[in-house]
N, C-alpha and C. Protein backbone atom coordinates (compact mmCIF):
# COMPACT_ATOMS: atom_id res chain seq x y z
N UNK A 1 -28.82 107.89 130.79
CA UNK A 1 -27.72 107.13 131.38
C UNK A 1 -27.30 107.82 132.68
N UNK A 2 -27.77 107.37 133.78
CA UNK A 2 -27.44 108.01 135.05
C UNK A 2 -26.00 107.74 135.47
N UNK A 3 -25.31 106.74 134.92
CA UNK A 3 -23.91 106.52 135.29
C UNK A 3 -23.01 107.63 134.76
N UNK A 4 -23.50 108.46 133.85
CA UNK A 4 -22.73 109.59 133.34
C UNK A 4 -23.13 110.90 134.02
N UNK A 5 -23.70 110.79 135.22
CA UNK A 5 -24.05 111.97 136.00
C UNK A 5 -23.36 111.84 137.35
N UNK A 6 -22.68 112.89 137.75
CA UNK A 6 -22.04 112.92 139.07
C UNK A 6 -22.51 114.18 139.78
N UNK A 7 -22.95 114.05 141.00
CA UNK A 7 -23.36 115.19 141.81
C UNK A 7 -22.46 115.20 143.04
N UNK A 8 -21.85 116.34 143.32
CA UNK A 8 -20.94 116.40 144.45
C UNK A 8 -20.90 117.77 145.08
N UNK A 9 -19.96 117.93 145.99
CA UNK A 9 -19.69 119.21 146.65
C UNK A 9 -18.22 119.52 146.41
N UNK A 10 -17.96 120.72 145.89
CA UNK A 10 -16.60 121.07 145.50
C UNK A 10 -15.61 120.93 146.66
N UNK A 11 -15.96 121.41 147.83
CA UNK A 11 -15.02 121.36 148.96
C UNK A 11 -14.56 119.96 149.30
N UNK A 12 -15.47 119.07 149.67
CA UNK A 12 -15.05 117.71 150.02
C UNK A 12 -14.45 116.95 148.83
N UNK A 13 -15.02 117.09 147.65
CA UNK A 13 -14.50 116.37 146.49
C UNK A 13 -13.09 116.84 146.13
N UNK A 14 -12.87 118.14 146.23
CA UNK A 14 -11.58 118.71 145.86
C UNK A 14 -10.48 118.32 146.85
N UNK A 15 -10.85 118.08 148.09
CA UNK A 15 -9.85 117.77 149.12
C UNK A 15 -9.01 116.54 148.77
N UNK A 16 -9.56 115.62 148.02
CA UNK A 16 -8.85 114.39 147.69
C UNK A 16 -7.70 114.61 146.70
N UNK A 17 -7.77 115.64 145.87
CA UNK A 17 -6.76 115.88 144.83
C UNK A 17 -6.26 117.32 144.84
N UNK A 18 -5.99 117.86 146.03
CA UNK A 18 -5.46 119.22 146.17
C UNK A 18 -6.29 120.25 145.42
N UNK A 19 -7.59 120.05 145.39
CA UNK A 19 -8.50 121.01 144.78
C UNK A 19 -9.02 120.62 143.41
N UNK A 20 -8.34 119.72 142.73
CA UNK A 20 -8.72 119.39 141.35
C UNK A 20 -9.95 118.48 141.32
N UNK A 21 -10.97 118.93 140.61
CA UNK A 21 -12.24 118.21 140.51
C UNK A 21 -12.34 117.35 139.26
N UNK A 22 -11.70 117.79 138.19
CA UNK A 22 -11.89 117.16 136.89
C UNK A 22 -10.58 117.20 136.12
N UNK A 23 -10.23 116.10 135.47
CA UNK A 23 -9.02 116.06 134.65
C UNK A 23 -8.57 114.65 134.36
N UNK A 24 -7.41 114.53 133.73
CA UNK A 24 -6.90 113.22 133.33
C UNK A 24 -6.62 112.31 134.52
N UNK A 25 -6.42 112.88 135.70
CA UNK A 25 -6.05 112.12 136.90
C UNK A 25 -7.22 111.37 137.52
N UNK A 26 -8.45 111.66 137.11
CA UNK A 26 -9.61 110.88 137.58
C UNK A 26 -9.61 109.55 136.84
N UNK A 27 -10.11 108.49 137.48
CA UNK A 27 -10.09 107.17 136.84
C UNK A 27 -10.89 107.13 135.54
N UNK A 28 -10.41 106.36 134.57
CA UNK A 28 -11.18 106.15 133.34
C UNK A 28 -12.54 105.59 133.71
N UNK A 29 -13.55 106.04 133.00
CA UNK A 29 -14.91 105.61 133.31
C UNK A 29 -15.63 106.56 134.25
N UNK A 30 -14.88 107.36 135.01
CA UNK A 30 -15.47 108.39 135.88
C UNK A 30 -15.83 109.56 134.97
N UNK A 31 -17.06 110.06 135.07
CA UNK A 31 -17.50 111.16 134.22
C UNK A 31 -16.63 112.40 134.42
N UNK A 32 -15.89 112.47 135.53
CA UNK A 32 -14.99 113.60 135.81
C UNK A 32 -13.60 113.43 135.17
N UNK A 33 -13.37 112.32 134.52
CA UNK A 33 -12.12 112.09 133.79
C UNK A 33 -12.16 112.87 132.48
N UNK A 34 -11.09 113.62 132.20
CA UNK A 34 -11.02 114.38 130.95
C UNK A 34 -9.58 114.53 130.51
N UNK A 35 -9.34 114.30 129.25
CA UNK A 35 -8.03 114.56 128.64
C UNK A 35 -7.98 116.00 128.11
N UNK A 36 -9.14 116.66 128.07
CA UNK A 36 -9.25 117.97 127.44
C UNK A 36 -9.10 119.14 128.40
N UNK A 37 -9.56 118.98 129.64
CA UNK A 37 -9.62 120.12 130.56
C UNK A 37 -9.45 119.65 132.00
N UNK A 38 -8.94 120.55 132.85
CA UNK A 38 -8.86 120.32 134.29
C UNK A 38 -9.56 121.48 134.99
N UNK A 39 -10.27 121.18 136.07
CA UNK A 39 -10.97 122.22 136.82
C UNK A 39 -10.64 122.05 138.30
N UNK A 40 -10.31 123.18 138.93
CA UNK A 40 -9.91 123.17 140.34
C UNK A 40 -10.78 124.13 141.15
N UNK A 41 -11.15 123.70 142.34
CA UNK A 41 -11.80 124.53 143.35
C UNK A 41 -10.71 124.79 144.39
N UNK A 42 -10.14 125.98 144.37
CA UNK A 42 -9.02 126.28 145.25
C UNK A 42 -9.44 127.12 146.43
N UNK A 43 -9.21 126.61 147.63
CA UNK A 43 -9.49 127.33 148.87
C UNK A 43 -8.14 127.62 149.51
N UNK A 44 -7.83 128.91 149.67
CA UNK A 44 -6.50 129.32 150.12
C UNK A 44 -6.59 130.23 151.34
N UNK A 45 -5.96 129.86 152.46
CA UNK A 45 -5.93 130.76 153.60
C UNK A 45 -5.05 131.98 153.29
N UNK A 46 -5.30 133.07 154.00
CA UNK A 46 -4.46 134.28 153.83
C UNK A 46 -2.99 133.89 153.99
N UNK A 47 -2.17 134.38 153.08
CA UNK A 47 -0.73 134.11 153.13
C UNK A 47 -0.30 132.85 152.38
N UNK A 48 -1.25 132.06 151.93
CA UNK A 48 -0.91 130.85 151.16
C UNK A 48 -0.25 131.28 149.86
N UNK A 49 0.80 130.58 149.48
CA UNK A 49 1.48 130.91 148.23
C UNK A 49 2.01 129.64 147.58
N UNK A 50 2.22 129.75 146.29
CA UNK A 50 2.77 128.62 145.54
C UNK A 50 4.23 128.47 145.95
N UNK A 51 4.66 127.25 146.23
CA UNK A 51 6.01 127.01 146.74
C UNK A 51 7.09 127.43 145.75
N UNK A 52 6.84 127.24 144.47
CA UNK A 52 7.80 127.65 143.45
C UNK A 52 7.07 128.01 142.16
N UNK A 53 7.70 128.79 141.33
CA UNK A 53 7.10 129.23 140.07
C UNK A 53 6.87 128.04 139.15
N UNK A 54 5.79 128.11 138.38
CA UNK A 54 5.56 127.15 137.30
C UNK A 54 6.34 127.68 136.11
N UNK A 55 7.20 126.85 135.54
CA UNK A 55 7.96 127.24 134.36
C UNK A 55 7.72 126.22 133.25
N UNK A 56 7.85 126.66 132.02
CA UNK A 56 7.67 125.76 130.88
C UNK A 56 6.25 125.26 130.74
N UNK A 57 5.29 126.06 131.12
CA UNK A 57 3.87 125.67 131.07
C UNK A 57 3.45 125.28 129.67
N UNK A 58 2.75 124.14 129.55
CA UNK A 58 2.29 123.66 128.25
C UNK A 58 0.77 123.74 128.11
N UNK A 59 0.13 124.38 129.09
CA UNK A 59 -1.33 124.50 129.07
C UNK A 59 -1.73 125.97 129.07
N UNK A 60 -2.97 126.23 128.72
CA UNK A 60 -3.58 127.54 128.88
C UNK A 60 -4.42 127.47 130.14
N UNK A 61 -4.56 128.58 130.86
CA UNK A 61 -5.30 128.56 132.11
C UNK A 61 -6.17 129.79 132.27
N UNK A 62 -7.24 129.61 133.01
CA UNK A 62 -8.17 130.66 133.40
C UNK A 62 -8.36 130.53 134.90
N UNK A 63 -8.20 131.64 135.64
CA UNK A 63 -8.43 131.63 137.07
C UNK A 63 -9.46 132.70 137.39
N UNK A 64 -10.53 132.33 138.10
CA UNK A 64 -11.64 133.22 138.44
C UNK A 64 -11.72 133.35 139.97
N UNK A 65 -11.82 134.58 140.44
CA UNK A 65 -11.96 134.81 141.88
C UNK A 65 -13.43 134.64 142.30
N UNK A 66 -13.66 133.76 143.28
CA UNK A 66 -14.99 133.59 143.86
C UNK A 66 -15.12 134.51 145.08
N UNK A 67 -14.09 134.51 145.93
CA UNK A 67 -14.09 135.38 147.10
C UNK A 67 -12.65 135.63 147.54
N UNK A 68 -12.45 136.73 148.28
CA UNK A 68 -11.13 137.05 148.81
C UNK A 68 -10.37 138.03 147.96
N UNK A 69 -9.06 137.94 148.05
CA UNK A 69 -8.14 138.79 147.28
C UNK A 69 -6.94 137.92 146.94
N UNK A 70 -6.67 137.75 145.66
CA UNK A 70 -5.70 136.76 145.17
C UNK A 70 -4.79 137.41 144.14
N UNK A 71 -3.48 137.23 144.30
CA UNK A 71 -2.52 137.85 143.39
C UNK A 71 -1.80 136.78 142.56
N UNK A 72 -1.73 137.01 141.27
CA UNK A 72 -0.95 136.16 140.38
C UNK A 72 0.28 136.92 139.94
N UNK A 73 1.38 136.23 139.91
CA UNK A 73 2.65 136.81 139.50
C UNK A 73 3.05 136.22 138.15
N UNK A 74 3.40 137.10 137.24
CA UNK A 74 3.92 136.72 135.93
C UNK A 74 5.23 137.47 135.75
N UNK A 75 6.10 137.01 134.87
CA UNK A 75 7.35 137.75 134.68
C UNK A 75 7.07 139.22 134.34
N UNK A 76 7.53 140.11 135.21
CA UNK A 76 7.38 141.54 134.98
C UNK A 76 6.00 142.11 135.25
N UNK A 77 5.10 141.31 135.82
CA UNK A 77 3.74 141.81 136.03
C UNK A 77 3.04 141.06 137.17
N UNK A 78 2.33 141.82 138.02
CA UNK A 78 1.46 141.25 139.05
C UNK A 78 0.02 141.59 138.69
N UNK A 79 -0.89 140.66 138.92
CA UNK A 79 -2.31 140.88 138.68
C UNK A 79 -3.04 140.55 139.98
N UNK A 80 -3.80 141.52 140.51
CA UNK A 80 -4.56 141.30 141.74
C UNK A 80 -6.03 141.16 141.37
N UNK A 81 -6.61 140.05 141.81
CA UNK A 81 -8.05 139.82 141.65
C UNK A 81 -8.69 140.19 142.98
N UNK A 82 -9.54 141.22 142.98
CA UNK A 82 -10.05 141.77 144.23
C UNK A 82 -11.57 141.73 144.34
N UNK A 83 -12.27 141.62 143.23
CA UNK A 83 -13.73 141.59 143.26
C UNK A 83 -14.23 140.28 142.68
N UNK A 84 -15.31 139.76 143.29
CA UNK A 84 -15.88 138.51 142.81
C UNK A 84 -16.07 138.57 141.30
N UNK A 85 -15.59 137.54 140.63
CA UNK A 85 -15.72 137.48 139.18
C UNK A 85 -14.52 138.00 138.42
N UNK A 86 -13.59 138.70 139.09
CA UNK A 86 -12.35 139.09 138.42
C UNK A 86 -11.67 137.82 137.93
N UNK A 87 -11.05 137.89 136.77
CA UNK A 87 -10.35 136.71 136.27
C UNK A 87 -9.16 137.09 135.41
N UNK A 88 -8.30 136.12 135.20
CA UNK A 88 -7.12 136.28 134.35
C UNK A 88 -6.93 135.00 133.55
N UNK A 89 -6.49 135.16 132.32
CA UNK A 89 -6.19 134.03 131.44
C UNK A 89 -4.73 134.16 131.00
N UNK A 90 -3.99 133.07 131.03
CA UNK A 90 -2.63 133.09 130.52
C UNK A 90 -2.40 131.86 129.66
N UNK A 91 -1.52 132.02 128.69
CA UNK A 91 -1.31 130.99 127.69
C UNK A 91 -0.11 130.11 127.95
N UNK A 92 0.08 129.20 127.03
CA UNK A 92 1.21 128.28 127.10
C UNK A 92 2.51 129.07 127.14
N UNK A 93 3.46 128.57 127.91
CA UNK A 93 4.76 129.18 128.00
C UNK A 93 4.88 130.33 128.97
N UNK A 94 3.78 130.71 129.64
CA UNK A 94 3.82 131.83 130.58
C UNK A 94 4.13 131.30 131.99
N UNK A 95 5.30 131.67 132.50
CA UNK A 95 5.67 131.29 133.87
C UNK A 95 4.76 132.05 134.84
N UNK A 96 4.48 131.44 135.99
CA UNK A 96 3.60 132.11 136.94
C UNK A 96 3.74 131.55 138.35
N UNK A 97 3.22 132.32 139.28
CA UNK A 97 3.10 131.93 140.67
C UNK A 97 1.90 132.67 141.25
N UNK A 98 1.55 132.41 142.52
CA UNK A 98 0.38 133.09 143.10
C UNK A 98 0.55 133.25 144.60
N UNK A 99 -0.27 134.16 145.16
CA UNK A 99 -0.25 134.47 146.59
C UNK A 99 -1.65 134.90 147.02
N UNK A 100 -2.17 134.32 148.11
CA UNK A 100 -3.48 134.70 148.64
C UNK A 100 -3.30 135.86 149.61
N UNK A 101 -3.67 137.07 149.15
CA UNK A 101 -3.55 138.25 150.01
C UNK A 101 -4.57 138.23 151.14
N UNK A 102 -5.71 137.60 150.90
CA UNK A 102 -6.74 137.36 151.91
C UNK A 102 -7.18 135.91 151.73
N UNK A 103 -7.93 135.38 152.71
CA UNK A 103 -8.51 134.06 152.51
C UNK A 103 -9.30 134.11 151.20
N UNK A 104 -9.04 133.17 150.30
CA UNK A 104 -9.61 133.25 148.95
C UNK A 104 -10.13 131.91 148.47
N UNK A 105 -11.15 132.00 147.63
CA UNK A 105 -11.64 130.84 146.89
C UNK A 105 -11.54 131.21 145.41
N UNK A 106 -10.92 130.33 144.62
CA UNK A 106 -10.75 130.57 143.19
C UNK A 106 -11.13 129.30 142.43
N UNK A 107 -11.54 129.50 141.20
CA UNK A 107 -11.77 128.39 140.28
C UNK A 107 -10.72 128.50 139.19
N UNK A 108 -10.02 127.41 138.95
CA UNK A 108 -9.02 127.38 137.89
C UNK A 108 -9.43 126.35 136.85
N UNK A 109 -9.33 126.74 135.59
CA UNK A 109 -9.59 125.85 134.46
C UNK A 109 -8.30 125.82 133.64
N UNK A 110 -7.77 124.62 133.37
CA UNK A 110 -6.56 124.48 132.54
C UNK A 110 -6.86 123.52 131.40
N UNK A 111 -6.26 123.81 130.26
CA UNK A 111 -6.43 122.90 129.13
C UNK A 111 -5.20 122.90 128.26
N UNK A 112 -4.88 121.76 127.66
CA UNK A 112 -5.47 120.44 127.86
C UNK A 112 -5.03 119.84 129.20
N UNK A 113 -5.61 118.71 129.55
CA UNK A 113 -5.23 117.99 130.76
C UNK A 113 -4.12 117.02 130.37
N UNK A 114 -2.93 117.28 130.85
CA UNK A 114 -1.76 116.53 130.41
C UNK A 114 -1.22 115.61 131.48
N UNK A 115 -1.16 114.31 131.22
CA UNK A 115 -0.51 113.40 132.16
C UNK A 115 0.96 113.81 132.35
N UNK A 116 1.47 113.52 133.53
CA UNK A 116 2.85 113.86 133.82
C UNK A 116 2.97 115.09 134.68
N UNK A 117 1.95 115.93 134.69
CA UNK A 117 1.95 117.08 135.58
C UNK A 117 1.42 116.62 136.93
N UNK A 118 2.04 117.07 137.99
CA UNK A 118 1.57 116.73 139.32
C UNK A 118 0.26 117.45 139.58
N UNK A 119 -0.63 116.79 140.30
CA UNK A 119 -1.86 117.45 140.74
C UNK A 119 -1.46 118.34 141.90
N UNK A 120 -1.56 119.68 141.69
CA UNK A 120 -1.18 120.62 142.75
C UNK A 120 -2.04 121.83 142.69
């Protein structure tokens, strides 16, 4: 079934949804539609930061550094990802924010994919 195969490029595809490639926000019938997981290709210039903290998180997340230097902020703790492949996982209920210390590319995986959350 070739209609269940999608081939793309993360950069251009991600640009349409602020980096998000896969999740509930893709149209039904699109092989990239998922209620279970969201995947983001995040490209961040040096100094880019999240405008406000995420609070009341209802998902679990994994963030992997592809390139650059990227800092995640959690209550009482900062985590710096500095080498390709460094990653951090945080669970439901963990407030967080982030800051690109250098131009960075990261992959974020969140689950489940919950309607009602803004694509950001």
